[in-house]
Amino acid sequence: MRVRPLAVEGAVEFSPPVHGDARGVFVSPYQEPAFVAAVGHPLAVVQTNQNRSAAGVVRGVHYVADPPGQEKFVHCVRGRALDVVVDLREGSPTFGRWDAVEMDDREFRGLYFPAGTGHAFLALAEDTVMSYLVTTNYDPDLERTVHPLDPELALPWTGGATPVLSGRDRGAPTLRAAAAAGLLPPYRRP
């Protein structure tokens, strides 16, 4: 397993070996020993999530209110996506910074999102399927979002066409407005 720290403090990319033969491929995107070595603790998974998106769909920038916050491990099961981690933690040395990784069903990279970071992705292929391991159960009262087209964030959405957004994401506040409203999570030293 290759491990690479990202530009957002605590966020990590994992690149597992992919084993292929005439039958197809076998891969283990999440491997606890490599994860613990990189992050310092195991992922306390309490729920798994999966979504399927059409090409051009942008989902995010999503995060969970603190407390409780939510850690997340994401990988692409089918298709291709540009996955983005955004540091939303007030007081973090990388606050407002983002990093992006292309995810696909060939290399099966995984991304770790520490609590307080935002997650967004752009589906680059039809029927792109993303899988999530998360550390808290879904609670709609704790779900938060920052506008994925916030010009100050300048996230790297590509393709020229206007991204397809949910109503919730279209109505989301900018990072500056979320901060002014006290909606952003605090930074906690690892």
Protein backbone atom coordinates (compact mmCIF):
# COMPACT_ATOMS: atom_id res chain seq x y z
CA MET A 1 0.00 0.00 0.00
CA ARG A 2 1.39 3.38 -1.01
CA VAL A 3 0.48 6.25 1.31
CA ARG A 4 0.67 9.96 0.50
CA PRO A 5 -0.20 12.86 2.82
CA LEU A 6 -2.32 15.52 1.11
CA ALA A 7 -2.11 19.33 1.30
CA VAL A 8 -4.86 19.39 3.96
CA GLU A 9 -3.44 18.52 7.38
CA GLY A 10 -4.38 14.95 8.34
CA ALA A 11 -5.87 13.99 4.95
CA VAL A 12 -4.22 10.97 3.35
CA GLU A 13 -4.34 9.17 -0.01
CA PHE A 14 -3.98 5.36 -0.03
CA SER A 15 -3.04 3.47 -3.21
CA PRO A 16 -3.54 -0.29 -2.76
CA PRO A 17 -2.00 -2.97 -4.95
CA VAL A 18 -4.47 -4.22 -7.56
CA HIS A 19 -4.20 -7.92 -8.38
CA GLY A 20 -5.50 -8.93 -11.79
CA ASP A 21 -5.77 -12.10 -13.83
CA ALA A 22 -8.05 -13.58 -16.48
CA ARG A 23 -10.98 -13.53 -14.02
CA GLY A 24 -10.74 -9.79 -13.27
CA VAL A 25 -9.24 -7.94 -10.32
CA PHE A 26 -9.03 -8.14 -6.54
CA VAL A 27 -8.21 -5.12 -4.38
CA SER A 28 -8.41 -4.10 -0.71
CA PRO A 29 -8.79 -0.29 -0.68
CA TYR A 30 -8.94 -0.10 3.14
CA GLN A 31 -6.23 -1.98 5.04
CA GLU A 32 -6.16 -1.25 8.75
CA PRO A 33 -2.40 -1.73 9.38
CA ALA A 34 -1.47 0.78 6.66
CA PHE A 35 -4.25 3.11 7.78
CA VAL A 36 -3.14 3.06 11.44
CA ALA A 37 0.50 3.59 10.44
CA ALA A 38 -0.50 6.68 8.42
CA VAL A 39 -3.25 8.16 10.58
CA GLY A 40 -2.38 6.93 14.08
CA HIS A 41 -5.63 5.14 14.93
CA PRO A 42 -8.05 2.68 13.34
CA LEU A 43 -11.19 3.93 11.62
CA ALA A 44 -14.15 3.27 13.93
CA VAL A 45 -16.63 2.46 11.15
CA VAL A 46 -20.29 2.60 12.20
CA GLN A 47 -21.90 2.97 8.78
CA THR A 48 -21.13 2.46 5.11
CA ASN A 49 -22.60 4.67 2.38
CA GLN A 50 -22.62 4.44 -1.38
CA ASN A 51 -23.87 6.72 -4.14
CA ARG A 52 -24.12 6.57 -7.92
CA SER A 53 -23.80 9.74 -9.98
CA ALA A 54 -24.15 10.78 -13.59
CA ALA A 55 -21.23 12.48 -15.32
CA GLY A 56 -21.08 16.16 -14.40
CA VAL A 57 -22.65 15.78 -10.96
CA VAL A 58 -20.88 17.57 -8.10
CA ARG A 59 -21.67 16.38 -4.57
CA GLY A 60 -20.45 18.42 -1.63
CA VAL A 61 -18.74 20.17 0.04
CA HIS A 62 -20.24 18.04 2.85
CA TYR A 63 -19.23 17.65 6.50
CA VAL A 64 -20.80 16.76 9.84
CA ALA A 65 -21.24 19.32 12.64
CA ASP A 66 -18.85 19.17 15.58
CA PRO A 67 -19.66 17.53 17.89
CA PRO A 68 -19.59 14.74 16.94
CA GLY A 69 -17.73 15.37 13.65
CA GLN A 70 -17.11 12.53 11.24
CA GLU A 71 -14.08 10.80 9.81
CA LYS A 72 -14.48 9.30 6.36
CA PHE A 73 -12.66 6.87 4.07
CA VAL A 74 -13.82 7.09 0.45
CA HIS A 75 -13.00 5.11 -2.68
CA CYS A 76 -14.43 4.78 -6.19
CA VAL A 77 -16.10 1.44 -6.91
CA ARG A 78 -17.08 2.18 -10.50
CA GLY A 79 -16.37 4.98 -12.95
CA ARG A 80 -14.16 7.98 -12.35
CA ALA A 81 -14.33 11.04 -10.11
CA LEU A 82 -12.29 14.03 -9.07
CA ASP A 83 -12.42 13.81 -5.26
CA VAL A 84 -11.69 16.90 -3.17
CA VAL A 85 -10.89 17.40 0.51
CA VAL A 86 -11.35 20.95 1.91
CA ASP A 87 -10.08 22.06 5.31
CA LEU A 88 -13.07 23.66 7.06
CA ARG A 89 -11.55 23.56 10.58
CA GLU A 90 -11.28 27.05 12.03
CA GLY A 91 -7.80 27.52 13.46
CA SER A 92 -6.24 24.76 11.33
CA PRO A 93 -2.85 25.56 9.78
CA THR A 94 -4.36 24.53 6.42
CA PHE A 95 -7.79 26.21 6.86
CA GLY A 96 -9.44 26.92 3.50
CA ARG A 97 -6.89 24.84 1.61
CA TRP A 98 -7.97 21.91 -0.57
CA ASP A 99 -6.43 19.01 -2.43
CA ALA A 100 -7.85 16.85 -5.22
CA VAL A 101 -7.24 13.25 -6.29
CA GLU A 102 -8.61 11.47 -9.33
CA MET A 103 -10.34 8.29 -8.24
CA ASP A 104 -11.33 5.40 -10.49
CA ASP A 105 -12.16 1.71 -10.73
CA ARG A 106 -8.69 0.79 -12.00
CA GLU A 107 -6.42 1.99 -9.21
CA PHE A 108 -9.01 2.09 -6.39
CA ARG A 109 -7.27 4.87 -4.48
CA GLY A 110 -8.81 5.65 -1.10
CA LEU A 111 -8.92 9.00 0.67
CA TYR A 112 -9.09 9.63 4.39
CA PHE A 113 -10.96 12.75 5.54
CA PRO A 114 -10.30 13.77 9.16
CA ALA A 115 -13.22 15.14 11.19
CA GLY A 116 -13.87 18.75 10.28
CA THR A 117 -12.78 18.48 6.67
CA GLY A 118 -15.24 18.77 3.82
CA HIS A 119 -15.73 16.21 1.08
CA ALA A 120 -16.80 16.93 -2.49
CA PHE A 121 -16.42 15.20 -5.82
CA LEU A 122 -17.16 15.65 -9.50
CA ALA A 123 -18.31 12.52 -11.36
CA LEU A 124 -16.20 12.31 -14.52
CA ALA A 125 -18.00 9.26 -15.97
CA GLU A 126 -21.59 8.02 -16.17
CA ASP A 127 -22.70 5.77 -13.32
CA THR A 128 -19.77 6.66 -11.08
CA VAL A 129 -20.14 4.83 -7.76
CA MET A 130 -18.43 6.11 -4.63
CA SER A 131 -18.21 4.10 -1.40
CA TYR A 132 -17.75 5.60 2.07
CA LEU A 133 -16.75 4.18 5.44
CA VAL A 134 -17.85 6.67 8.13
CA THR A 135 -17.46 7.02 11.89
CA THR A 136 -20.93 8.39 12.72
CA ASN A 137 -24.45 7.39 11.76
CA TYR A 138 -26.44 9.61 9.43
CA ASP A 139 -28.25 12.40 11.28
CA PRO A 140 -29.86 15.03 9.03
CA ASP A 141 -29.71 17.60 11.85
CA LEU A 142 -25.90 17.40 11.87
CA GLU A 143 -25.30 17.40 8.11
CA ARG A 144 -23.62 20.59 6.83
CA THR A 145 -22.46 21.84 3.45
CA VAL A 146 -20.40 24.66 1.97
CA HIS A 147 -21.15 25.81 -1.57
CA PRO A 148 -19.02 23.78 -4.01
CA LEU A 149 -18.80 26.70 -6.46
CA ASP A 150 -17.62 29.24 -3.84
CA PRO A 151 -15.26 31.46 -5.88
CA GLU A 152 -12.98 31.98 -2.88
CA LEU A 153 -12.42 28.22 -2.58
CA ALA A 154 -11.93 27.93 -6.36
CA LEU A 155 -12.30 24.15 -6.37
CA PRO A 156 -10.94 22.46 -9.50
CA TRP A 157 -14.17 21.47 -11.24
CA THR A 158 -13.39 20.72 -14.87
CA GLY A 159 -15.22 19.95 -18.07
CA GLY A 160 -16.53 23.39 -19.02
CA ALA A 161 -20.21 22.57 -18.41
CA THR A 162 -22.08 23.87 -15.38
CA PRO A 163 -21.95 21.12 -12.73
CA VAL A 164 -25.19 19.42 -11.70
CA LEU A 165 -25.87 20.23 -8.02
CA SER A 166 -28.54 19.20 -5.52
CA GLY A 167 -30.86 21.88 -4.18
CA ARG A 168 -29.14 21.60 -0.82
CA ASP A 169 -25.71 22.26 -2.36
CA ARG A 170 -27.03 25.10 -4.57
CA GLY A 171 -28.38 26.80 -1.44
CA ALA A 172 -25.28 26.21 0.71
CA PRO A 173 -23.37 29.13 2.22
CA THR A 174 -19.91 30.12 1.07
CA LEU A 175 -17.00 29.31 3.37
CA ARG A 176 -16.94 32.93 4.57
CA ALA A 177 -20.71 32.94 5.28
CA ALA A 178 -20.51 29.57 7.08
CA ALA A 179 -17.70 30.95 9.26
CA ALA A 180 -19.67 34.13 10.03
CA ALA A 181 -22.70 32.02 11.02
CA GLY A 182 -20.60 29.88 13.38
CA LEU A 183 -21.21 26.71 11.33
CA LEU A 184 -17.61 25.59 10.87
CA PRO A 185 -15.95 22.98 13.09
CA PRO A 186 -13.00 23.85 15.33
CA TYR A 187 -9.50 22.58 14.70
CA ARG A 188 -8.24 19.98 17.15
CA ARG A 189 -4.57 19.07 17.10
CA PRO A 190 -4.02 15.42 16.15
